[in-house]
């Protein structure tokens, strides 16, 4: 039986680079981390972490929906002449005095 086998995966280059930096801070390689993940999955009999849908409050979910609509070009993003104008509107929505 072979001592090693190759595993080829496709991953976003930024994610790979960030993961390599993270694992290097622990003194391990990305290969070491993948091996650890696979061994832990085998010990657990499945994924070694819980999968859940994230739960956000209604305001956050509405903002995420609006951002999606803006990205799809269905809604025009609101612009402000300055950061102060943006913060003044945000303060007004919260009922606070302007900054």
N, C-alpha and C. Protein backbone atom coordinates (compact mmCIF):
# COMPACT_ATOMS: atom_id res chain seq x y z
N UNK A 1 0.84 -1.17 0.00
CA UNK A 1 0.00 0.00 0.00
C UNK A 1 0.89 1.25 0.00
N UNK A 2 0.50 2.23 -0.79
CA UNK A 2 1.28 3.47 -0.90
C UNK A 2 1.27 4.23 0.42
N UNK A 3 2.39 4.88 0.71
CA UNK A 3 2.48 5.66 1.95
C UNK A 3 1.77 7.00 1.82
N UNK A 4 1.61 7.48 0.59
CA UNK A 4 0.90 8.75 0.37
C UNK A 4 0.03 8.63 -0.87
N UNK A 5 -0.97 9.47 -0.94
CA UNK A 5 -1.83 9.57 -2.11
C UNK A 5 -2.04 11.06 -2.36
N UNK A 6 -2.25 11.42 -3.60
CA UNK A 6 -2.47 12.82 -3.94
C UNK A 6 -3.95 13.15 -3.87
N UNK A 7 -4.24 14.35 -3.44
CA UNK A 7 -5.59 14.89 -3.39
C UNK A 7 -5.55 16.24 -4.09
N UNK A 8 -6.22 16.36 -5.21
CA UNK A 8 -6.24 17.62 -5.96
C UNK A 8 -7.57 18.31 -5.73
N UNK A 9 -7.51 19.55 -5.25
CA UNK A 9 -8.73 20.33 -5.02
C UNK A 9 -8.55 21.71 -5.64
N UNK A 10 -9.67 22.33 -5.97
CA UNK A 10 -9.64 23.70 -6.48
C UNK A 10 -10.15 24.61 -5.37
N UNK A 11 -9.42 25.70 -5.16
CA UNK A 11 -9.78 26.63 -4.10
C UNK A 11 -9.36 28.04 -4.52
N UNK A 12 -10.10 29.00 -4.05
CA UNK A 12 -9.79 30.40 -4.32
C UNK A 12 -8.37 30.70 -3.83
N UNK A 13 -7.52 31.32 -4.66
CA UNK A 13 -6.14 31.58 -4.26
C UNK A 13 -6.00 32.39 -2.97
N UNK A 14 -6.89 33.36 -2.74
CA UNK A 14 -6.80 34.15 -1.51
C UNK A 14 -7.10 33.29 -0.29
N UNK A 15 -8.09 32.40 -0.41
CA UNK A 15 -8.42 31.49 0.69
C UNK A 15 -7.23 30.59 0.99
N UNK A 16 -6.61 30.06 -0.05
CA UNK A 16 -5.45 29.17 0.14
C UNK A 16 -4.32 29.91 0.84
N UNK A 17 -4.02 31.10 0.37
CA UNK A 17 -2.94 31.89 0.95
C UNK A 17 -3.23 32.22 2.42
N UNK A 18 -4.46 32.63 2.72
CA UNK A 18 -4.83 32.96 4.10
C UNK A 18 -4.74 31.73 4.99
N UNK A 19 -5.19 30.59 4.48
CA UNK A 19 -5.13 29.34 5.26
C UNK A 19 -3.67 28.94 5.50
N UNK A 20 -2.83 29.07 4.48
CA UNK A 20 -1.42 28.73 4.66
C UNK A 20 -0.78 29.59 5.75
N UNK A 21 -1.10 30.88 5.74
CA UNK A 21 -0.55 31.79 6.76
C UNK A 21 -1.06 31.41 8.15
N UNK A 22 -2.36 31.12 8.24
CA UNK A 22 -2.93 30.73 9.52
C UNK A 22 -2.26 29.47 10.06
N UNK A 23 -2.18 28.44 9.24
CA UNK A 23 -1.61 27.18 9.71
C UNK A 23 -0.11 27.29 9.98
N UNK A 24 0.57 28.13 9.22
CA UNK A 24 2.00 28.36 9.49
C UNK A 24 2.19 28.95 10.88
N UNK A 25 1.22 29.77 11.32
CA UNK A 25 1.33 30.35 12.67
C UNK A 25 1.22 29.27 13.74
N UNK A 26 0.66 28.11 13.39
CA UNK A 26 0.59 26.97 14.31
C UNK A 26 1.76 26.01 14.09
N UNK A 27 2.59 26.32 13.09
CA UNK A 27 3.73 25.46 12.79
C UNK A 27 3.38 24.24 11.96
N UNK A 28 2.27 24.31 11.23
CA UNK A 28 1.89 23.19 10.37
C UNK A 28 1.63 23.69 8.95
N UNK A 29 1.65 22.77 8.01
CA UNK A 29 1.40 23.10 6.61
C UNK A 29 -0.09 22.92 6.30
N UNK A 30 -0.47 23.39 5.13
CA UNK A 30 -1.84 23.17 4.67
C UNK A 30 -2.11 21.68 4.52
N UNK A 31 -1.13 20.93 4.05
CA UNK A 31 -1.27 19.48 3.93
C UNK A 31 -1.50 18.85 5.30
N UNK A 32 -0.73 19.30 6.30
CA UNK A 32 -0.94 18.80 7.67
C UNK A 32 -2.37 19.08 8.13
N UNK A 33 -2.84 20.29 7.88
CA UNK A 33 -4.18 20.68 8.32
C UNK A 33 -5.26 19.84 7.63
N UNK A 34 -5.10 19.60 6.33
CA UNK A 34 -6.08 18.77 5.62
C UNK A 34 -6.06 17.35 6.17
N UNK A 35 -4.88 16.81 6.43
CA UNK A 35 -4.78 15.47 7.02
C UNK A 35 -5.46 15.43 8.39
N UNK A 36 -5.24 16.46 9.20
CA UNK A 36 -5.87 16.52 10.51
C UNK A 36 -7.39 16.55 10.37
N UNK A 37 -7.88 17.37 9.43
CA UNK A 37 -9.32 17.45 9.19
C UNK A 37 -9.88 16.08 8.80
N UNK A 38 -9.21 15.40 7.88
CA UNK A 38 -9.71 14.10 7.42
C UNK A 38 -9.68 13.05 8.53
N UNK A 39 -8.62 13.03 9.32
CA UNK A 39 -8.55 12.08 10.44
C UNK A 39 -9.64 12.36 11.47
N UNK A 40 -9.86 13.63 11.76
CA UNK A 40 -10.92 14.00 12.72
C UNK A 40 -12.29 13.63 12.17
N UNK A 41 -12.52 13.83 10.88
CA UNK A 41 -13.79 13.45 10.27
C UNK A 41 -14.02 11.95 10.39
N UNK A 42 -12.96 11.18 10.18
CA UNK A 42 -13.09 9.73 10.32
C UNK A 42 -13.39 9.34 11.77
N UNK A 43 -12.74 9.98 12.73
CA UNK A 43 -12.99 9.69 14.14
C UNK A 43 -14.43 10.05 14.53
N UNK A 44 -14.94 11.15 13.97
CA UNK A 44 -16.28 11.62 14.30
C UNK A 44 -17.36 10.86 13.52
N UNK A 45 -16.96 10.26 12.41
CA UNK A 45 -17.95 9.60 11.56
C UNK A 45 -18.73 10.60 10.73
N UNK A 46 -18.13 11.74 10.43
CA UNK A 46 -18.78 12.80 9.65
C UNK A 46 -17.96 14.06 9.76
N UNK A 47 -18.57 15.15 9.37
CA UNK A 47 -17.86 16.43 9.48
C UNK A 47 -17.55 16.71 10.94
N UNK A 48 -16.34 17.20 11.23
CA UNK A 48 -15.96 17.43 12.62
C UNK A 48 -16.42 18.78 13.17
N UNK A 49 -17.50 19.29 12.63
CA UNK A 49 -18.09 20.53 13.12
C UNK A 49 -19.55 20.53 12.72
N UNK A 50 -20.33 21.36 13.41
CA UNK A 50 -21.75 21.44 13.16
C UNK A 50 -22.04 22.39 12.01
N UNK A 51 -22.92 21.98 11.11
CA UNK A 51 -23.34 22.86 10.01
C UNK A 51 -24.68 23.48 10.37
N UNK A 52 -24.74 24.79 10.29
CA UNK A 52 -25.97 25.52 10.58
C UNK A 52 -26.12 26.66 9.60
N UNK A 53 -27.35 27.02 9.36
CA UNK A 53 -27.61 28.24 8.62
C UNK A 53 -27.39 29.40 9.58
N UNK A 54 -26.66 30.44 9.17
CA UNK A 54 -26.47 31.57 10.08
C UNK A 54 -27.80 32.28 10.33
N UNK A 55 -28.01 32.74 11.53
CA UNK A 55 -29.22 33.48 11.89
C UNK A 55 -28.82 34.93 12.16
N UNK A 56 -29.48 35.83 11.44
CA UNK A 56 -29.21 37.25 11.60
C UNK A 56 -30.50 37.94 12.03
N UNK A 57 -30.38 39.11 12.62
CA UNK A 57 -31.59 39.85 12.96
C UNK A 57 -32.21 40.39 11.68
N UNK A 58 -33.45 40.84 11.78
CA UNK A 58 -34.20 41.26 10.59
C UNK A 58 -33.53 42.40 9.84
N UNK A 59 -32.95 43.35 10.57
CA UNK A 59 -32.29 44.49 9.92
C UNK A 59 -31.10 44.02 9.09
N UNK A 60 -30.34 43.09 9.63
CA UNK A 60 -29.17 42.57 8.90
C UNK A 60 -29.62 41.78 7.68
N UNK A 61 -30.65 40.95 7.84
CA UNK A 61 -31.16 40.18 6.69
C UNK A 61 -31.69 41.10 5.60
N UNK A 62 -32.38 42.18 6.00
CA UNK A 62 -32.89 43.15 5.01
C UNK A 62 -31.73 43.82 4.28
N UNK A 63 -30.67 44.18 5.01
CA UNK A 63 -29.50 44.81 4.39
C UNK A 63 -28.82 43.84 3.43
N UNK A 64 -28.76 42.56 3.79
CA UNK A 64 -28.15 41.56 2.91
C UNK A 64 -28.99 41.37 1.64
N UNK A 65 -30.31 41.37 1.79
CA UNK A 65 -31.18 41.27 0.60
C UNK A 65 -30.98 42.48 -0.31
N UNK A 66 -30.94 43.67 0.31
CA UNK A 66 -30.75 44.90 -0.48
C UNK A 66 -29.40 44.87 -1.20
N UNK A 67 -28.35 44.43 -0.52
CA UNK A 67 -27.03 44.34 -1.16
C UNK A 67 -27.07 43.39 -2.35
N UNK A 68 -27.76 42.27 -2.20
CA UNK A 68 -27.90 41.33 -3.31
C UNK A 68 -28.62 41.96 -4.50
N UNK A 69 -29.67 42.72 -4.21
CA UNK A 69 -30.41 43.41 -5.28
C UNK A 69 -29.53 44.45 -5.97
N UNK A 70 -28.72 45.14 -5.22
CA UNK A 70 -27.80 46.13 -5.80
C UNK A 70 -26.79 45.42 -6.69
N UNK A 71 -26.23 44.31 -6.21
CA UNK A 71 -25.25 43.57 -7.00
C UNK A 71 -25.84 43.03 -8.30
N UNK A 72 -27.12 42.65 -8.26
CA UNK A 72 -27.78 42.13 -9.46
C UNK A 72 -28.27 43.25 -10.38
N UNK A 73 -28.08 44.50 -9.95
CA UNK A 73 -28.47 45.64 -10.77
C UNK A 73 -29.96 45.93 -10.74
N UNK A 74 -30.68 45.35 -9.80
CA UNK A 74 -32.12 45.56 -9.71
C UNK A 74 -32.49 46.80 -8.91
N UNK A 75 -31.55 47.26 -8.08
CA UNK A 75 -31.78 48.43 -7.23
C UNK A 75 -30.58 49.34 -7.36
N UNK A 76 -30.82 50.64 -7.46
CA UNK A 76 -29.74 51.62 -7.52
C UNK A 76 -29.24 51.88 -6.11
N UNK A 77 -27.94 51.79 -5.91
CA UNK A 77 -27.35 52.07 -4.60
C UNK A 77 -27.49 53.55 -4.30
N UNK A 78 -27.80 53.86 -3.05
CA UNK A 78 -27.92 55.25 -2.63
C UNK A 78 -26.52 55.81 -2.42
N UNK A 79 -26.33 57.05 -2.84
CA UNK A 79 -25.02 57.70 -2.66
C UNK A 79 -25.19 58.93 -1.78
N UNK A 80 -24.10 59.36 -1.20
CA UNK A 80 -24.09 60.51 -0.31
C UNK A 80 -22.97 61.45 -0.75
N UNK A 81 -23.18 62.75 -0.58
CA UNK A 81 -22.14 63.71 -0.98
C UNK A 81 -20.93 63.66 -0.05
N UNK A 82 -21.13 63.13 1.17
CA UNK A 82 -20.03 63.07 2.13
C UNK A 82 -20.33 62.02 3.18
N UNK A 83 -19.31 61.62 3.90
CA UNK A 83 -19.51 60.68 5.01
C UNK A 83 -20.40 61.30 6.07
N UNK A 84 -20.24 62.61 6.30
CA UNK A 84 -21.07 63.31 7.30
C UNK A 84 -22.55 63.17 6.95
N UNK A 85 -22.91 63.33 5.68
CA UNK A 85 -24.31 63.21 5.26
C UNK A 85 -24.84 61.80 5.54
N UNK A 86 -24.01 60.81 5.27
CA UNK A 86 -24.40 59.42 5.56
C UNK A 86 -24.66 59.25 7.06
N UNK A 87 -23.72 59.69 7.89
CA UNK A 87 -23.86 59.52 9.34
C UNK A 87 -25.03 60.32 9.89
N UNK A 88 -25.29 61.49 9.33
CA UNK A 88 -26.43 62.27 9.77
C UNK A 88 -27.74 61.52 9.49
N UNK A 89 -27.83 60.89 8.32
CA UNK A 89 -29.03 60.12 8.01
C UNK A 89 -29.16 58.90 8.93
N UNK A 90 -28.04 58.22 9.18
CA UNK A 90 -28.07 57.07 10.08
C UNK A 90 -28.48 57.49 11.49
N UNK A 91 -27.95 58.60 11.96
CA UNK A 91 -28.31 59.10 13.29
C UNK A 91 -29.79 59.46 13.35
N UNK A 92 -30.30 60.08 12.28
CA UNK A 92 -31.71 60.46 12.24
C UNK A 92 -32.60 59.23 12.29
N UNK A 93 -32.20 58.14 11.61
CA UNK A 93 -32.99 56.90 11.63
C UNK A 93 -33.01 56.30 13.02
N UNK A 94 -31.93 56.48 13.78
CA UNK A 94 -31.85 55.94 15.14
C UNK A 94 -32.45 56.90 16.16
N UNK A 95 -32.83 58.10 15.73
CA UNK A 95 -33.38 59.09 16.65
C UNK A 95 -32.34 59.79 17.49
N UNK A 96 -31.09 59.75 17.05
CA UNK A 96 -30.01 60.40 17.80
C UNK A 96 -29.70 61.76 17.21
N UNK A 97 -29.05 62.56 18.01
CA UNK A 97 -28.55 63.85 17.53
C UNK A 97 -27.44 63.61 16.53
N UNK A 98 -27.31 64.42 15.47
CA UNK A 98 -26.23 64.25 14.51
C UNK A 98 -24.86 64.40 15.17
N UNK A 99 -23.88 63.73 14.61
CA UNK A 99 -22.50 63.78 15.12
C UNK A 99 -21.90 65.15 14.96
